Amino acid sequence: QVQLVESGGGLVQVGESLRLSCTGSGLIFGGGLVSWYRQAPGKQREPVAWITADGTTNYASSVEGRFAISRDDAKNMLYLQMSSLLPEDTADYYCSARPAYHNVYYWGQGTQVTVSS
């Protein structure tokens, strides 16, 4: 059974940092697409950062320069280092993975990030 579990969310002040983690089980991250999405209250889920199969990192323009995505395929872990947080970063953050061997997107349950001004 495939399971993605996010952790690391919380309440922080403007300008502070958080590191989100995603642990995958029942699937293999290596060679696949892994991503972080977020969904703010009343808004659609949007991509935040992703790493393609060849290791290329990509970011939404709103987080470029402030967030850093990384993966540890040996541990089936995905991370999102978030710095200089802003109130508009407040959202539920979701981990997503599409294995190289299966064209299906798997999702975690999300972790909440609240940035207070």
N, C-alpha and C. Protein backbone atom coordinates (compact mmCIF):
# COMPACT_ATOMS: atom_id res chain seq x y z
N GLN A 1 0.84 -1.19 0.00
CA GLN A 1 0.00 0.00 0.00
C GLN A 1 0.88 1.24 0.00
N VAL A 2 0.58 2.14 -0.93
CA VAL A 2 1.35 3.36 -1.04
C VAL A 2 0.89 4.37 0.00
N GLN A 3 1.86 5.00 0.63
CA GLN A 3 1.54 6.01 1.64
C GLN A 3 2.58 7.12 1.59
N LEU A 4 2.10 8.36 1.58
CA LEU A 4 2.95 9.53 1.69
C LEU A 4 2.52 10.28 2.93
N VAL A 5 3.49 10.59 3.79
CA VAL A 5 3.17 11.26 5.04
C VAL A 5 4.02 12.52 5.17
N GLU A 6 3.35 13.65 5.24
CA GLU A 6 4.04 14.93 5.41
C GLU A 6 4.18 15.27 6.89
N SER A 7 5.21 16.02 7.20
CA SER A 7 5.41 16.50 8.56
C SER A 7 6.19 17.81 8.51
N GLY A 8 6.20 18.51 9.64
CA GLY A 8 7.00 19.72 9.74
C GLY A 8 6.24 21.02 9.67
N GLY A 9 4.94 20.94 9.42
CA GLY A 9 4.16 22.17 9.38
C GLY A 9 4.00 22.78 10.75
N GLY A 10 3.48 24.00 10.78
CA GLY A 10 3.27 24.66 12.05
C GLY A 10 2.96 26.12 11.89
N LEU A 11 2.97 26.82 13.01
CA LEU A 11 2.70 28.26 13.04
C LEU A 11 4.02 29.00 13.23
N VAL A 12 4.30 29.91 12.31
CA VAL A 12 5.54 30.70 12.39
C VAL A 12 5.22 32.16 12.14
N GLN A 13 6.20 33.00 12.43
CA GLN A 13 6.06 34.43 12.17
C GLN A 13 6.64 34.76 10.79
N VAL A 14 6.23 35.90 10.28
CA VAL A 14 6.76 36.37 9.00
C VAL A 14 8.29 36.43 9.06
N GLY A 15 8.93 35.92 8.02
CA GLY A 15 10.37 35.94 7.93
C GLY A 15 11.06 34.71 8.49
N GLU A 16 10.32 33.89 9.19
CA GLU A 16 10.90 32.68 9.76
C GLU A 16 10.96 31.56 8.72
N SER A 17 11.50 30.42 9.16
CA SER A 17 11.69 29.29 8.26
C SER A 17 11.02 28.03 8.80
N LEU A 18 10.73 27.13 7.90
CA LEU A 18 10.20 25.81 8.24
C LEU A 18 10.77 24.81 7.25
N ARG A 19 10.90 23.59 7.71
CA ARG A 19 11.31 22.52 6.82
C ARG A 19 10.26 21.42 6.84
N LEU A 20 9.66 21.19 5.68
CA LEU A 20 8.68 20.13 5.55
C LEU A 20 9.38 18.86 5.07
N SER A 21 8.86 17.74 5.53
CA SER A 21 9.37 16.44 5.12
C SER A 21 8.22 15.58 4.62
N CYS A 22 8.54 14.69 3.72
CA CYS A 22 7.55 13.74 3.20
C CYS A 22 8.22 12.37 3.16
N THR A 23 7.60 11.42 3.81
CA THR A 23 8.11 10.06 3.83
C THR A 23 7.23 9.18 2.96
N GLY A 24 7.85 8.48 2.04
CA GLY A 24 7.10 7.60 1.15
C GLY A 24 7.32 6.14 1.51
N SER A 25 6.25 5.37 1.43
CA SER A 25 6.34 3.93 1.63
C SER A 25 5.47 3.25 0.60
N GLY A 26 5.87 2.05 0.20
CA GLY A 26 5.11 1.31 -0.80
C GLY A 26 5.35 1.76 -2.22
N LEU A 27 6.32 2.65 -2.41
CA LEU A 27 6.67 3.10 -3.75
C LEU A 27 8.13 3.51 -3.75
N ILE A 28 8.66 3.75 -4.93
CA ILE A 28 10.05 4.13 -5.08
C ILE A 28 10.12 5.53 -5.67
N PHE A 29 10.76 6.43 -4.93
CA PHE A 29 10.89 7.81 -5.42
C PHE A 29 11.87 7.91 -6.59
N GLY A 30 12.92 7.15 -6.51
CA GLY A 30 14.01 7.27 -7.47
C GLY A 30 13.53 7.14 -8.90
N GLY A 31 13.94 8.09 -9.75
CA GLY A 31 13.58 8.04 -11.15
C GLY A 31 12.21 8.60 -11.47
N GLY A 32 11.48 9.00 -10.46
CA GLY A 32 10.15 9.53 -10.68
C GLY A 32 10.06 11.03 -10.44
N LEU A 33 8.87 11.54 -10.56
CA LEU A 33 8.58 12.96 -10.33
C LEU A 33 8.05 13.11 -8.91
N VAL A 34 8.65 14.03 -8.14
CA VAL A 34 8.17 14.30 -6.80
C VAL A 34 7.92 15.79 -6.67
N SER A 35 6.89 16.13 -5.94
CA SER A 35 6.44 17.52 -5.94
C SER A 35 5.87 17.93 -4.59
N TRP A 36 5.86 19.22 -4.37
CA TRP A 36 5.12 19.84 -3.27
C TRP A 36 4.05 20.73 -3.89
N TYR A 37 2.85 20.60 -3.38
CA TYR A 37 1.74 21.47 -3.75
C TYR A 37 1.25 22.15 -2.47
N ARG A 38 0.44 23.18 -2.67
CA ARG A 38 -0.20 23.80 -1.52
C ARG A 38 -1.60 24.27 -1.90
N GLN A 39 -2.43 24.36 -0.88
CA GLN A 39 -3.79 24.83 -1.09
C GLN A 39 -4.16 25.76 0.05
N ALA A 40 -4.36 27.01 -0.30
CA ALA A 40 -4.78 28.00 0.68
C ALA A 40 -6.30 27.98 0.81
N PRO A 41 -6.83 28.45 1.92
CA PRO A 41 -8.28 28.45 2.12
C PRO A 41 -8.99 29.18 0.98
N GLY A 42 -9.97 28.52 0.40
CA GLY A 42 -10.74 29.13 -0.66
C GLY A 42 -10.07 29.18 -2.02
N LYS A 43 -8.90 28.56 -2.14
CA LYS A 43 -8.17 28.59 -3.40
C LYS A 43 -7.90 27.18 -3.91
N GLN A 44 -7.52 27.11 -5.19
CA GLN A 44 -7.21 25.81 -5.76
C GLN A 44 -5.81 25.36 -5.35
N ARG A 45 -5.62 24.07 -5.38
CA ARG A 45 -4.30 23.52 -5.10
C ARG A 45 -3.34 23.94 -6.22
N GLU A 46 -2.14 24.35 -5.84
CA GLU A 46 -1.18 24.82 -6.82
C GLU A 46 0.19 24.18 -6.58
N PRO A 47 0.95 23.97 -7.65
CA PRO A 47 2.29 23.43 -7.47
C PRO A 47 3.22 24.47 -6.87
N VAL A 48 4.08 24.03 -6.00
CA VAL A 48 5.04 24.91 -5.34
C VAL A 48 6.45 24.64 -5.84
N ALA A 49 6.82 23.38 -5.84
CA ALA A 49 8.16 22.99 -6.28
C ALA A 49 8.14 21.52 -6.67
N TRP A 50 9.01 21.16 -7.63
CA TRP A 50 9.04 19.77 -8.05
C TRP A 50 10.41 19.41 -8.58
N ILE A 51 10.70 18.14 -8.50
CA ILE A 51 11.96 17.61 -9.00
C ILE A 51 11.63 16.54 -10.03
N THR A 52 12.14 16.72 -11.23
CA THR A 52 11.87 15.76 -12.30
C THR A 52 12.77 14.53 -12.14
N ALA A 53 12.54 13.56 -13.00
CA ALA A 53 13.28 12.31 -12.91
C ALA A 53 14.79 12.50 -13.05
N ASP A 54 15.18 13.51 -13.83
CA ASP A 54 16.62 13.72 -14.03
C ASP A 54 17.23 14.63 -12.97
N GLY A 55 16.42 14.98 -11.96
CA GLY A 55 16.94 15.76 -10.86
C GLY A 55 16.80 17.26 -11.00
N THR A 56 16.17 17.71 -12.05
CA THR A 56 15.98 19.15 -12.25
C THR A 56 14.94 19.68 -11.27
N THR A 57 15.27 20.77 -10.61
CA THR A 57 14.34 21.37 -9.67
C THR A 57 13.62 22.54 -10.33
N ASN A 58 12.37 22.70 -9.97
CA ASN A 58 11.54 23.76 -10.53
C ASN A 58 10.71 24.39 -9.40
N TYR A 59 10.43 25.67 -9.54
CA TYR A 59 9.71 26.39 -8.51
C TYR A 59 8.65 27.30 -9.10
N ALA A 60 7.57 27.45 -8.34
CA ALA A 60 6.61 28.48 -8.69
C ALA A 60 7.29 29.84 -8.50
N SER A 61 6.90 30.79 -9.30
CA SER A 61 7.54 32.10 -9.23
C SER A 61 7.38 32.75 -7.86
N SER A 62 6.27 32.43 -7.21
CA SER A 62 5.99 33.04 -5.91
C SER A 62 6.93 32.58 -4.80
N VAL A 63 7.62 31.47 -5.01
CA VAL A 63 8.52 30.94 -3.97
C VAL A 63 9.97 30.87 -4.42
N GLU A 64 10.22 31.18 -5.67
CA GLU A 64 11.58 31.13 -6.21
C GLU A 64 12.52 31.98 -5.35
N GLY A 65 13.64 31.37 -4.96
CA GLY A 65 14.61 32.10 -4.15
C GLY A 65 14.37 32.00 -2.65
N ARG A 66 13.20 31.53 -2.26
CA ARG A 66 12.89 31.42 -0.82
C ARG A 66 12.74 29.96 -0.39
N PHE A 67 12.28 29.12 -1.30
CA PHE A 67 12.06 27.71 -0.98
C PHE A 67 13.10 26.87 -1.72
N ALA A 68 13.42 25.71 -1.12
CA ALA A 68 14.33 24.78 -1.76
C ALA A 68 13.80 23.37 -1.58
N ILE A 69 13.64 22.67 -2.70
CA ILE A 69 13.16 21.30 -2.67
C ILE A 69 14.35 20.37 -2.81
N SER A 70 14.30 19.24 -2.11
CA SER A 70 15.36 18.25 -2.23
C SER A 70 14.77 16.87 -1.98
N ARG A 71 15.49 15.87 -2.41
CA ARG A 71 15.01 14.50 -2.26
C ARG A 71 16.15 13.61 -1.83
N ASP A 72 15.82 12.57 -1.11
CA ASP A 72 16.77 11.53 -0.73
C ASP A 72 16.15 10.22 -1.17
N ASP A 73 16.53 9.77 -2.35
CA ASP A 73 15.89 8.57 -2.90
C ASP A 73 16.23 7.32 -2.10
N ALA A 74 17.37 7.31 -1.48
CA ALA A 74 17.74 6.14 -0.68
C ALA A 74 16.80 5.95 0.50
N LYS A 75 16.29 7.08 1.01
CA LYS A 75 15.38 7.03 2.15
C LYS A 75 13.93 7.23 1.74
N ASN A 76 13.69 7.44 0.45
CA ASN A 76 12.34 7.75 -0.01
C ASN A 76 11.78 8.96 0.73
N MET A 77 12.60 10.01 0.77
CA MET A 77 12.21 11.22 1.48
C MET A 77 12.23 12.41 0.53
N LEU A 78 11.32 13.31 0.76
CA LEU A 78 11.24 14.56 0.02
C LEU A 78 11.18 15.69 1.04
N TYR A 79 11.87 16.78 0.74
CA TYR A 79 11.93 17.89 1.68
C TYR A 79 11.57 19.20 0.99
N LEU A 80 11.11 20.14 1.80
CA LEU A 80 10.90 21.49 1.31
C LEU A 80 11.38 22.45 2.40
N GLN A 81 12.49 23.09 2.14
CA GLN A 81 13.02 24.10 3.05
C GLN A 81 12.41 25.44 2.67
N MET A 82 11.67 26.03 3.58
CA MET A 82 10.97 27.28 3.32
C MET A 82 11.58 28.38 4.18
N SER A 83 12.02 29.43 3.55
CA SER A 83 12.63 30.55 4.26
C SER A 83 11.90 31.84 3.91
N SER A 84 12.15 32.85 4.72
CA SER A 84 11.53 34.16 4.50
C SER A 84 10.04 34.02 4.26
N LEU A 85 9.40 33.30 5.13
CA LEU A 85 7.97 33.00 4.94
C LEU A 85 7.12 34.26 5.04
N LEU A 86 6.08 34.26 4.23
CA LEU A 86 5.15 35.38 4.13
C LEU A 86 3.74 34.91 4.49
N PRO A 87 2.87 35.82 4.87
CA PRO A 87 1.49 35.42 5.18
C PRO A 87 0.82 34.68 4.02
N GLU A 88 1.16 35.05 2.79
CA GLU A 88 0.55 34.39 1.64
C GLU A 88 1.06 32.97 1.42
N ASP A 89 2.04 32.54 2.20
CA ASP A 89 2.48 31.15 2.15
C ASP A 89 1.61 30.25 3.02
N THR A 90 0.70 30.85 3.75
CA THR A 90 -0.20 30.07 4.60
C THR A 90 -1.06 29.16 3.74
N ALA A 91 -1.00 27.86 4.02
CA ALA A 91 -1.74 26.87 3.22
C ALA A 91 -1.51 25.49 3.82
N ASP A 92 -2.26 24.55 3.30
CA ASP A 92 -1.96 23.14 3.53
C ASP A 92 -0.99 22.70 2.44
N TYR A 93 0.08 22.07 2.84
CA TYR A 93 1.12 21.63 1.90
C TYR A 93 1.05 20.12 1.72
N TYR A 94 1.08 19.72 0.46
CA TYR A 94 0.93 18.32 0.10
C TYR A 94 2.14 17.81 -0.67
N CYS A 95 2.52 16.62 -0.36
CA CYS A 95 3.57 15.91 -1.08
C CYS A 95 2.90 15.05 -2.16
N SER A 96 3.51 14.99 -3.32
CA SER A 96 3.00 14.16 -4.40
C SER A 96 4.15 13.41 -5.05
N ALA A 97 3.87 12.20 -5.48
CA ALA A 97 4.90 11.40 -6.15
C ALA A 97 4.29 10.62 -7.29
N ARG A 98 4.99 10.62 -8.41
CA ARG A 98 4.62 9.79 -9.56
C ARG A 98 5.82 8.91 -9.86
N PRO A 99 5.71 7.63 -9.52
CA PRO A 99 6.87 6.75 -9.75
C PRO A 99 7.21 6.61 -11.22
N ALA A 100 8.45 6.26 -11.48
CA ALA A 100 8.89 6.08 -12.87
C ALA A 100 8.20 4.89 -13.52
N TYR A 101 7.77 3.93 -12.72
CA TYR A 101 7.24 2.68 -13.25
C TYR A 101 5.71 2.64 -13.27
N HIS A 102 5.08 3.74 -12.84
CA HIS A 102 3.62 3.73 -12.73
C HIS A 102 3.10 5.15 -12.93
N ASN A 103 2.35 5.39 -13.99
CA ASN A 103 1.88 6.73 -14.30
C ASN A 103 0.67 7.09 -13.46
N VAL A 104 0.87 7.11 -12.16
CA VAL A 104 -0.18 7.48 -11.20
C VAL A 104 0.43 8.46 -10.21
N TYR A 105 -0.34 9.48 -9.87
CA TYR A 105 0.10 10.44 -8.87
C TYR A 105 -0.45 10.05 -7.51
N TYR A 106 0.43 9.92 -6.56
CA TYR A 106 0.05 9.62 -5.19
C TYR A 106 0.18 10.90 -4.35
N TRP A 107 -0.70 11.01 -3.36
CA TRP A 107 -0.76 12.22 -2.54
C TRP A 107 -0.73 11.89 -1.06
N GLY A 108 -0.12 12.80 -0.31
CA GLY A 108 -0.20 12.70 1.13
C GLY A 108 -1.44 13.41 1.64
N GLN A 109 -1.59 13.41 2.95
CA GLN A 109 -2.77 14.03 3.58
C GLN A 109 -2.57 15.51 3.85
N GLY A 110 -1.34 15.96 3.76
CA GLY A 110 -1.07 17.39 3.93
C GLY A 110 -0.60 17.76 5.32
N THR A 111 0.11 18.86 5.37
CA THR A 111 0.54 19.44 6.64
C THR A 111 0.28 20.94 6.58
N GLN A 112 -0.21 21.49 7.66
CA GLN A 112 -0.65 22.88 7.64
C GLN A 112 0.49 23.82 8.01
N VAL A 113 0.61 24.87 7.23
CA VAL A 113 1.58 25.93 7.50
C VAL A 113 0.83 27.23 7.65
N THR A 114 1.06 27.89 8.77
CA THR A 114 0.43 29.18 9.02
C THR A 114 1.52 30.20 9.32
N VAL A 115 1.50 31.28 8.56
CA VAL A 115 2.48 32.35 8.75
C VAL A 115 1.74 33.56 9.27
N SER A 116 2.11 33.95 10.47
CA SER A 116 1.42 35.05 11.14
C SER A 116 2.22 36.33 11.04
N SER A 117 1.50 37.42 10.80
CA SER A 117 2.16 38.72 10.75
C SER A 117 1.99 39.45 12.08
